[in-house]
Amino acid sequence: MRGNLLVGAMLTVAFVAGCASAVKRVGGDAGPAGSPSTSASPPSPSASSAPATGSTSPSAPATRSATPGAPDTRTSRPAAPVSEIRRTDWPNATIGNLGFCGESDSVVFRNGSNGLDIPCRILPNGARPVYAEFITEEPANAPSTEDALVLVELGNRDAARRQALVPVQLADGGGRYAWPVILGDDSSPSGDQAMTFVSYRVVGQDVQATVRKLDGGTETRRWRKADGSGNWKRY
């Protein structure tokens, strides 16, 4: 009898231990994907657990070398040089050959205006210059890599006024001079309405612009050079 009881007790203990082991395995597998078991110890670091390139972990920025004192990879390349035309202080620029402003020779802008009774303003209303190599005739002894396209407005705001896009190129010796301009439409007969250039850009050798017409509607216009003198033709 005592032998039978011992055998039964041993079988019971073995059965309970087996159930406990099975419950532990099922509990771990049933957790949400990627959530570690609370009873498991943290895994030891390995090569597969190292942060991948591009990680934003503060301890291992991907943009810096792991070698102490190594330069930041974001500044390892030299900065591109700024072209001379981009250095222009347009509100205070002097531009030659800009007959659109009603002056015979150079137009001297100060604080964005030439200061005359009928003013000529450069880059009015926060307009910005556009840079591209679109004037192909470069001085042989001073080739330029970029040209500029700037907006100029002639006239008082409470009277007739007109806008124009002005291609500007570096001259010999570093001066700025204008090529033939792209004229906007004439203002209304009473002068209370004016066509304005809403936006403009250079595409290849051509100029594209969105304009607001006298009636308030907008449209896209395109121009290409008509001849070797730099005159423009709408197409």
C-alpha atoms as a PDB file:
ATOM      1  CA  MET A   1       0.000   0.000   0.000  1.00  0.00           C
ATOM      2  CA  ARG A   2       2.749   2.433   0.980  1.00  0.00           C
ATOM      3  CA  GLY A   3       4.550   1.613  -2.278  1.00  0.00           C
ATOM      4  CA  ASN A   4       1.435   2.393  -4.309  1.00  0.00           C
ATOM      5  CA  LEU A   5       1.021   5.768  -2.528  1.00  0.00           C
ATOM      6  CA  LEU A   6       4.645   6.729  -3.252  1.00  0.00           C
ATOM      7  CA  VAL A   7       4.266   5.870  -6.922  1.00  0.00           C
ATOM      8  CA  GLY A   8       1.033   7.895  -7.128  1.00  0.00           C
ATOM      9  CA  ALA A   9       2.619  10.891  -5.433  1.00  0.00           C
ATOM     10  CA  MET A  10       5.578  10.823  -7.824  1.00  0.00           C
ATOM     11  CA  LEU A  11       3.271  10.704 -10.859  1.00  0.00           C
ATOM     12  CA  THR A  12       1.274  13.657  -9.497  1.00  0.00           C
ATOM     13  CA  VAL A  13       4.400  15.783  -8.979  1.00  0.00           C
ATOM     14  CA  ALA A  14       5.653  14.958 -12.480  1.00  0.00           C
ATOM     15  CA  PHE A  15       2.267  15.862 -14.013  1.00  0.00           C
ATOM     16  CA  VAL A  16       2.090  19.246 -12.195  1.00  0.00           C
ATOM     17  CA  ALA A  17       5.664  20.147 -13.195  1.00  0.00           C
ATOM     18  CA  GLY A  18       4.894  19.303 -16.806  1.00  0.00           C
ATOM     19  CA  CYS A  19       1.778  21.511 -16.763  1.00  0.00           C
ATOM     20  CA  ALA A  20       3.667  24.413 -15.225  1.00  0.00           C
ATOM     21  CA  SER A  21       6.339  24.190 -17.936  1.00  0.00           C
ATOM     22  CA  ALA A  22       3.680  24.083 -20.664  1.00  0.00           C
ATOM     23  CA  VAL A  23       1.872  27.132 -19.251  1.00  0.00           C
ATOM     24  CA  LYS A  24       5.092  29.175 -19.226  1.00  0.00           C
ATOM     25  CA  ARG A  25       5.753  28.499 -22.926  1.00  0.00           C
ATOM     26  CA  VAL A  26       2.206  29.300 -24.007  1.00  0.00           C
ATOM     27  CA  GLY A  27       2.134  32.525 -21.970  1.00  0.00           C
ATOM     28  CA  GLY A  28       5.232  33.901 -23.720  1.00  0.00           C
ATOM     29  CA  ASP A  29       3.975  33.070 -27.202  1.00  0.00           C
ATOM     30  CA  ALA A  30       0.560  34.631 -26.564  1.00  0.00           C
ATOM     31  CA  GLY A  31       1.928  38.129 -25.847  1.00  0.00           C
ATOM     32  CA  PRO A  32       1.693  40.894 -28.483  1.00  0.00           C
ATOM     33  CA  ALA A  33       4.228  40.586 -31.266  1.00  0.00           C
ATOM     34  CA  GLY A  34       7.509  42.140 -30.270  1.00  0.00           C
ATOM     35  CA  SER A  35       6.653  42.509 -26.565  1.00  0.00           C
ATOM     36  CA  PRO A  36       9.231  40.695 -24.370  1.00  0.00           C
ATOM     37  CA  SER A  37       8.177  38.476 -21.521  1.00  0.00           C
ATOM     38  CA  THR A  38       8.267  40.307 -18.178  1.00  0.00           C
ATOM     39  CA  SER A  39      10.060  37.387 -16.584  1.00  0.00           C
ATOM     40  CA  ALA A  40      12.720  37.110 -19.245  1.00  0.00           C
ATOM     41  CA  SER A  41      16.144  38.622 -18.653  1.00  0.00           C
ATOM     42  CA  PRO A  42      17.362  41.328 -21.083  1.00  0.00           C
ATOM     43  CA  PRO A  43      19.131  39.853 -24.106  1.00  0.00           C
ATOM     44  CA  SER A  44      22.864  40.294 -24.282  1.00  0.00           C
ATOM     45  CA  PRO A  45      24.113  42.828 -26.850  1.00  0.00           C
ATOM     46  CA  SER A  46      25.085  41.384 -30.207  1.00  0.00           C
ATOM     47  CA  ALA A  47      25.988  42.554 -33.663  1.00  0.00           C
ATOM     48  CA  SER A  48      22.413  42.003 -34.860  1.00  0.00           C
ATOM     49  CA  SER A  49      21.039  44.384 -32.178  1.00  0.00           C
ATOM     50  CA  ALA A  50      23.287  47.342 -33.121  1.00  0.00           C
ATOM     51  CA  PRO A  51      21.410  50.406 -34.479  1.00  0.00           C
ATOM     52  CA  ALA A  52      21.137  50.533 -38.248  1.00  0.00           C
ATOM     53  CA  THR A  53      22.547  53.371 -40.356  1.00  0.00           C
ATOM     54  CA  GLY A  54      20.152  56.302 -40.264  1.00  0.00           C
ATOM     55  CA  SER A  55      19.061  55.697 -36.709  1.00  0.00           C
ATOM     56  CA  THR A  56      18.189  58.795 -34.699  1.00  0.00           C
ATOM     57  CA  SER A  57      19.383  57.253 -31.441  1.00  0.00           C
ATOM     58  CA  PRO A  58      21.207  59.948 -29.419  1.00  0.00           C
ATOM     59  CA  SER A  59      23.923  57.500 -28.436  1.00  0.00           C
ATOM     60  CA  ALA A  60      24.913  56.708 -32.010  1.00  0.00           C
ATOM     61  CA  PRO A  61      24.121  59.505 -34.518  1.00  0.00           C
ATOM     62  CA  ALA A  62      24.382  58.137 -38.030  1.00  0.00           C
ATOM     63  CA  THR A  63      25.698  61.430 -39.396  1.00  0.00           C
ATOM     64  CA  ARG A  64      28.851  61.401 -37.289  1.00  0.00           C
ATOM     65  CA  SER A  65      31.828  59.090 -37.404  1.00  0.00           C
ATOM     66  CA  ALA A  66      32.401  56.687 -34.508  1.00  0.00           C
ATOM     67  CA  THR A  67      36.050  57.749 -34.437  1.00  0.00           C
ATOM     68  CA  PRO A  68      36.646  60.496 -31.852  1.00  0.00           C
ATOM     69  CA  GLY A  69      37.583  63.783 -33.459  1.00  0.00           C
ATOM     70  CA  ALA A  70      36.362  62.768 -36.928  1.00  0.00           C
ATOM     71  CA  PRO A  71      34.562  65.552 -38.830  1.00  0.00           C
ATOM     72  CA  ASP A  72      30.800  65.538 -39.183  1.00  0.00           C
ATOM     73  CA  THR A  73      29.879  63.858 -42.460  1.00  0.00           C
ATOM     74  CA  ARG A  74      27.345  66.629 -43.141  1.00  0.00           C
ATOM     75  CA  THR A  75      30.177  69.151 -43.508  1.00  0.00           C
ATOM     76  CA  SER A  76      32.806  66.900 -45.022  1.00  0.00           C
ATOM     77  CA  ARG A  77      32.236  68.373 -48.517  1.00  0.00           C
ATOM     78  CA  PRO A  78      33.281  71.940 -49.312  1.00  0.00           C
ATOM     79  CA  ALA A  79      30.410  74.398 -49.689  1.00  0.00           C
ATOM     80  CA  ALA A  80      29.529  75.360 -53.263  1.00  0.00           C
ATOM     81  CA  PRO A  81      30.883  78.808 -54.153  1.00  0.00           C
ATOM     82  CA  VAL A  82      28.311  81.594 -54.424  1.00  0.00           C
ATOM     83  CA  SER A  83      28.251  83.204 -57.860  1.00  0.00           C
ATOM     84  CA  GLU A  84      29.048  86.904 -58.161  1.00  0.00           C
ATOM     85  CA  ILE A  85      25.564  87.745 -59.439  1.00  0.00           C
ATOM     86  CA  ARG A  86      24.022  86.194 -56.312  1.00  0.00           C
ATOM     87  CA  ARG A  87      26.067  88.554 -54.153  1.00  0.00           C
ATOM     88  CA  THR A  88      24.150  91.520 -55.581  1.00  0.00           C
ATOM     89  CA  ASP A  89      22.474  93.804 -53.067  1.00  0.00           C
ATOM     90  CA  TRP A  90      19.471  94.361 -55.323  1.00  0.00           C
ATOM     91  CA  PRO A  91      17.712  97.115 -53.295  1.00  0.00           C
ATOM     92  CA  ASN A  92      20.925  99.153 -53.609  1.00  0.00           C
ATOM     93  CA  ALA A  93      22.162  97.938 -56.981  1.00  0.00           C
ATOM     94  CA  THR A  94      23.304  99.993 -59.947  1.00  0.00           C
ATOM     95  CA  ILE A  95      22.048  98.553 -63.240  1.00  0.00           C
ATOM     96  CA  GLY A  96      23.152  99.898 -66.592  1.00  0.00           C
ATOM     97  CA  ASN A  97      21.129 100.043 -69.801  1.00  0.00           C
ATOM     98  CA  LEU A  98      17.787  99.925 -67.965  1.00  0.00           C
ATOM     99  CA  GLY A  99      15.849 102.280 -70.209  1.00  0.00           C
ATOM    100  CA  PHE A 100      12.551 100.989 -68.857  1.00  0.00           C
ATOM    101  CA  CYS A 101      13.008 103.235 -65.824  1.00  0.00           C
ATOM    102  CA  GLY A 102      13.098 106.353 -68.006  1.00  0.00           C
ATOM    103  CA  GLU A 103      16.773 107.103 -67.446  1.00  0.00           C
ATOM    104  CA  SER A 104      19.307 107.288 -70.228  1.00  0.00           C
ATOM    105  CA  ASP A 105      22.194 105.473 -68.589  1.00  0.00           C
ATOM    106  CA  SER A 106      22.570 103.576 -65.319  1.00  0.00           C
ATOM    107  CA  VAL A 107      19.794 103.351 -62.778  1.00  0.00           C
ATOM    108  CA  VAL A 108      20.939 103.680 -59.181  1.00  0.00           C
ATOM    109  CA  PHE A 109      18.588 102.070 -56.687  1.00  0.00           C
ATOM    110  CA  ARG A 110      18.642 103.000 -53.031  1.00  0.00           C
ATOM    111  CA  ASN A 111      16.407 101.146 -50.614  1.00  0.00           C
ATOM    112  CA  GLY A 112      14.595  99.618 -53.565  1.00  0.00           C
ATOM    113  CA  SER A 113      13.811 102.815 -55.519  1.00  0.00           C
ATOM    114  CA  ASN A 114      15.565 105.249 -57.842  1.00  0.00           C
ATOM    115  CA  GLY A 115      14.005 108.111 -55.873  1.00  0.00           C
ATOM    116  CA  LEU A 116      12.514 110.065 -58.789  1.00  0.00           C
ATOM    117  CA  ASP A 117       9.100 111.744 -58.857  1.00  0.00           C
ATOM    118  CA  ILE A 118       7.900 108.871 -61.039  1.00  0.00           C
ATOM    119  CA  PRO A 119       9.769 106.146 -59.187  1.00  0.00           C
ATOM    120  CA  CYS A 120      11.185 102.923 -60.513  1.00  0.00           C
ATOM    121  CA  ARG A 121      11.199 100.204 -57.855  1.00  0.00           C
ATOM    122  CA  ILE A 122      13.162  96.974 -57.940  1.00  0.00           C
ATOM    123  CA  LEU A 123      11.692  93.751 -56.527  1.00  0.00           C
ATOM    124  CA  PRO A 124       8.511  95.422 -55.221  1.00  0.00           C
ATOM    125  CA  ASN A 125       6.167  93.764 -52.728  1.00  0.00           C
ATOM    126  CA  GLY A 126       8.736  91.194 -51.593  1.00  0.00           C
ATOM    127  CA  ALA A 127       9.513  89.801 -55.056  1.00  0.00           C
ATOM    128  CA  ARG A 128      12.710  87.743 -55.342  1.00  0.00           C
ATOM    129  CA  PRO A 129      15.349  87.399 -58.067  1.00  0.00           C
ATOM    130  CA  VAL A 130      15.640  84.250 -60.157  1.00  0.00           C
ATOM    131  CA  TYR A 131      19.089  82.929 -61.084  1.00  0.00           C
ATOM    132  CA  ALA A 132      19.955  80.788 -64.096  1.00  0.00           C
ATOM    133  CA  GLU A 133      22.297  80.707 -67.068  1.00  0.00           C
ATOM    134  CA  PHE A 134      19.883  81.835 -69.757  1.00  0.00           C
ATOM    135  CA  ILE A 135      21.720  84.715 -71.512  1.00  0.00           C
ATOM    136  CA  THR A 136      24.066  82.890 -73.838  1.00  0.00           C
ATOM    137  CA  GLU A 137      26.102  85.848 -75.078  1.00  0.00           C
ATOM    138  CA  GLU A 138      28.854  86.092 -72.475  1.00  0.00           C
ATOM    139  CA  PRO A 139      31.894  88.395 -72.599  1.00  0.00           C
ATOM    140  CA  ALA A 140      34.807  86.395 -73.957  1.00  0.00           C
ATOM    141  CA  ASN A 141      37.182  87.716 -71.298  1.00  0.00           C
ATOM    142  CA  ALA A 142      34.698  87.469 -68.410  1.00  0.00           C
ATOM    143  CA  PRO A 143      32.394  84.505 -68.834  1.00  0.00           C
ATOM    144  CA  SER A 144      29.529  84.345 -66.347  1.00  0.00           C
ATOM    145  CA  THR A 145      27.997  81.155 -64.994  1.00  0.00           C
ATOM    146  CA  GLU A 146      24.683  82.686 -63.943  1.00  0.00           C
ATOM    147  CA  ASP A 147      22.368  85.531 -64.859  1.00  0.00           C
ATOM    148  CA  ALA A 148      19.487  87.096 -62.946  1.00  0.00           C
ATOM    149  CA  LEU A 149      15.855  87.875 -63.661  1.00  0.00           C
ATOM    150  CA  VAL A 150      14.362  90.618 -61.484  1.00  0.00           C
ATOM    151  CA  LEU A 151      11.008  92.372 -61.321  1.00  0.00           C
ATOM    152  CA  VAL A 152      10.898  96.153 -61.743  1.00  0.00           C
ATOM    153  CA  GLU A 153       7.871  98.465 -61.488  1.00  0.00           C
ATOM    154  CA  LEU A 154       7.639 101.958 -62.928  1.00  0.00           C
ATOM    155  CA  GLY A 155       5.084 104.519 -61.727  1.00  0.00           C
ATOM    156  CA  ASN A 156       3.219 105.648 -58.648  1.00  0.00           C
ATOM    157  CA  ARG A 157       0.767 103.298 -57.014  1.00  0.00           C
ATOM    158  CA  ASP A 158      -2.075 105.836 -57.166  1.00  0.00           C
ATOM    159  CA  ALA A 159      -1.450 106.504 -60.864  1.00  0.00           C
ATOM    160  CA  ALA A 160      -0.558 104.560 -63.996  1.00  0.00           C
ATOM    161  CA  ARG A 161       2.151 101.982 -63.386  1.00  0.00           C
ATOM    162  CA  ARG A 162       3.704  99.121 -65.304  1.00  0.00           C
ATOM    163  CA  GLN A 163       5.864  96.123 -64.466  1.00  0.00           C
ATOM    164  CA  ALA A 164       8.646  94.408 -66.379  1.00  0.00           C
ATOM    165  CA  LEU A 165      10.912  91.389 -65.957  1.00  0.00           C
ATOM    166  CA  VAL A 166      14.529  92.482 -66.369  1.00  0.00           C
ATOM    167  CA  PRO A 167      17.291  90.035 -67.392  1.00  0.00           C
ATOM    168  CA  VAL A 168      20.514  91.193 -65.727  1.00  0.00           C
ATOM    169  CA  GLN A 169      24.034  90.071 -66.605  1.00  0.00           C
ATOM    170  CA  LEU A 170      27.463  90.762 -65.183  1.00  0.00           C
ATOM    171  CA  ALA A 171      29.431  93.216 -67.295  1.00  0.00           C
ATOM    172  CA  ASP A 172      33.192  93.447 -67.743  1.00  0.00           C
ATOM    173  CA  GLY A 173      34.638  94.516 -64.423  1.00  0.00           C
ATOM    174  CA  GLY A 174      31.754  93.154 -62.366  1.00  0.00           C
ATOM    175  CA  GLY A 175      29.042  95.712 -63.120  1.00  0.00           C
ATOM    176  CA  ARG A 176      25.418  94.772 -63.748  1.00  0.00           C
ATOM    177  CA  TYR A 177      23.609  95.670 -66.944  1.00  0.00           C
ATOM    178  CA  ALA A 178      20.161  94.918 -68.288  1.00  0.00           C
ATOM    179  CA  TRP A 179      19.189  93.191 -71.495  1.00  0.00           C
ATOM    180  CA  PRO A 180      15.889  93.984 -73.256  1.00  0.00           C
ATOM    181  CA  VAL A 181      13.075  93.627 -70.741  1.00  0.00           C
ATOM    182  CA  ILE A 182       9.881  91.574 -70.835  1.00  0.00           C
ATOM    183  CA  LEU A 183       7.107  94.138 -70.591  1.00  0.00           C
ATOM    184  CA  GLY A 184       3.857  93.666 -68.754  1.00  0.00           C
ATOM    185  CA  ASP A 185       0.625  95.041 -70.192  1.00  0.00           C
ATOM    186  CA  ASP A 186      -0.188  98.742 -70.098  1.00  0.00           C
ATOM    187  CA  SER A 187      -2.238  99.875 -67.127  1.00  0.00           C
ATOM    188  CA  SER A 188      -5.919 100.720 -67.547  1.00  0.00           C
ATOM    189  CA  PRO A 189      -6.725 104.092 -69.195  1.00  0.00           C
ATOM    190  CA  SER A 190      -7.552 105.624 -65.819  1.00  0.00           C
ATOM    191  CA  GLY A 191      -4.424 104.107 -64.260  1.00  0.00           C
ATOM    192  CA  ASP A 192      -6.316 102.383 -61.458  1.00  0.00           C
ATOM    193  CA  GLN A 193      -5.650  98.831 -62.705  1.00  0.00           C
ATOM    194  CA  ALA A 194      -2.256  97.283 -63.545  1.00  0.00           C
ATOM    195  CA  MET A 195      -1.121  93.904 -64.782  1.00  0.00           C
ATOM    196  CA  THR A 196       1.267  92.292 -62.294  1.00  0.00           C
ATOM    197  CA  PHE A 197       3.688  89.382 -62.410  1.00  0.00           C
ATOM    198  CA  VAL A 198       2.558  86.940 -59.717  1.00  0.00           C
ATOM    199  CA  SER A 199       5.488  84.555 -60.204  1.00  0.00           C
ATOM    200  CA  TYR A 200       8.248  83.950 -62.750  1.00  0.00           C
ATOM    201  CA  ARG A 201      10.979  81.451 -63.503  1.00  0.00           C
ATOM    202  CA  VAL A 202      13.547  80.451 -66.104  1.00  0.00           C
ATOM    203  CA  VAL A 203      13.072  77.148 -67.937  1.00  0.00           C
ATOM    204  CA  GLY A 204      16.065  76.354 -70.101  1.00  0.00           C
ATOM    205  CA  GLN A 205      16.584  79.509 -72.149  1.00  0.00           C
ATOM    206  CA  ASP A 206      12.955  80.640 -71.858  1.00  0.00           C
ATOM    207  CA  VAL A 207      11.006  82.636 -69.282  1.00  0.00           C
ATOM    208  CA  GLN A 208       7.654  81.566 -67.844  1.00  0.00           C
ATOM    209  CA  ALA A 209       5.428  83.700 -65.636  1.00  0.00           C
ATOM    210  CA  THR A 210       2.005  83.733 -64.062  1.00  0.00           C
ATOM    211  CA  VAL A 211       0.396  87.134 -64.477  1.00  0.00           C
ATOM    212  CA  ARG A 212      -2.685  88.778 -63.036  1.00  0.00           C
ATOM    213  CA  LYS A 213      -4.455  90.674 -65.786  1.00  0.00           C
ATOM    214  CA  LEU A 214      -6.418  93.912 -65.576  1.00  0.00           C
ATOM    215  CA  ASP A 215      -9.671  92.013 -65.093  1.00  0.00           C
ATOM    216  CA  GLY A 216      -8.252  90.129 -62.103  1.00  0.00           C
ATOM    217  CA  GLY A 217      -7.889  86.793 -63.890  1.00  0.00           C
ATOM    218  CA  THR A 218      -4.558  84.935 -64.049  1.00  0.00           C
ATOM    219  CA  GLU A 219      -2.802  83.185 -66.905  1.00  0.00           C
ATOM    220  CA  THR A 220       0.573  81.620 -67.699  1.00  0.00           C
ATOM    221  CA  ARG A 221       2.743  83.312 -70.312  1.00  0.00           C
ATOM    222  CA  ARG A 222       5.971  82.181 -71.973  1.00  0.00           C
ATOM    223  CA  TRP A 223       8.712  84.057 -73.809  1.00  0.00           C
ATOM    224  CA  ARG A 224      11.775  83.036 -75.790  1.00  0.00           C
ATOM    225  CA  LYS A 225      14.592  85.145 -77.198  1.00  0.00           C
ATOM    226  CA  ALA A 226      13.688  86.464 -80.627  1.00  0.00           C
ATOM    227  CA  ASP A 227      17.169  87.449 -81.820  1.00  0.00           C
ATOM    228  CA  GLY A 228      20.810  87.758 -80.890  1.00  0.00           C
ATOM    229  CA  SER A 229      20.207  91.164 -79.299  1.00  0.00           C
ATOM    230  CA  GLY A 230      18.191  89.589 -76.515  1.00  0.00           C
ATOM    231  CA  ASN A 231      14.734  90.775 -77.527  1.00  0.00           C
ATOM    232  CA  TRP A 232      11.918  88.561 -76.299  1.00  0.00           C
ATOM    233  CA  LYS A 233       8.964  87.086 -78.161  1.00  0.00           C
ATOM    234  CA  ARG A 234       5.869  85.676 -76.482  1.00  0.00           C
ATOM    235  CA  TYR A 235       4.767  82.247 -77.662  1.00  0.00           C
END
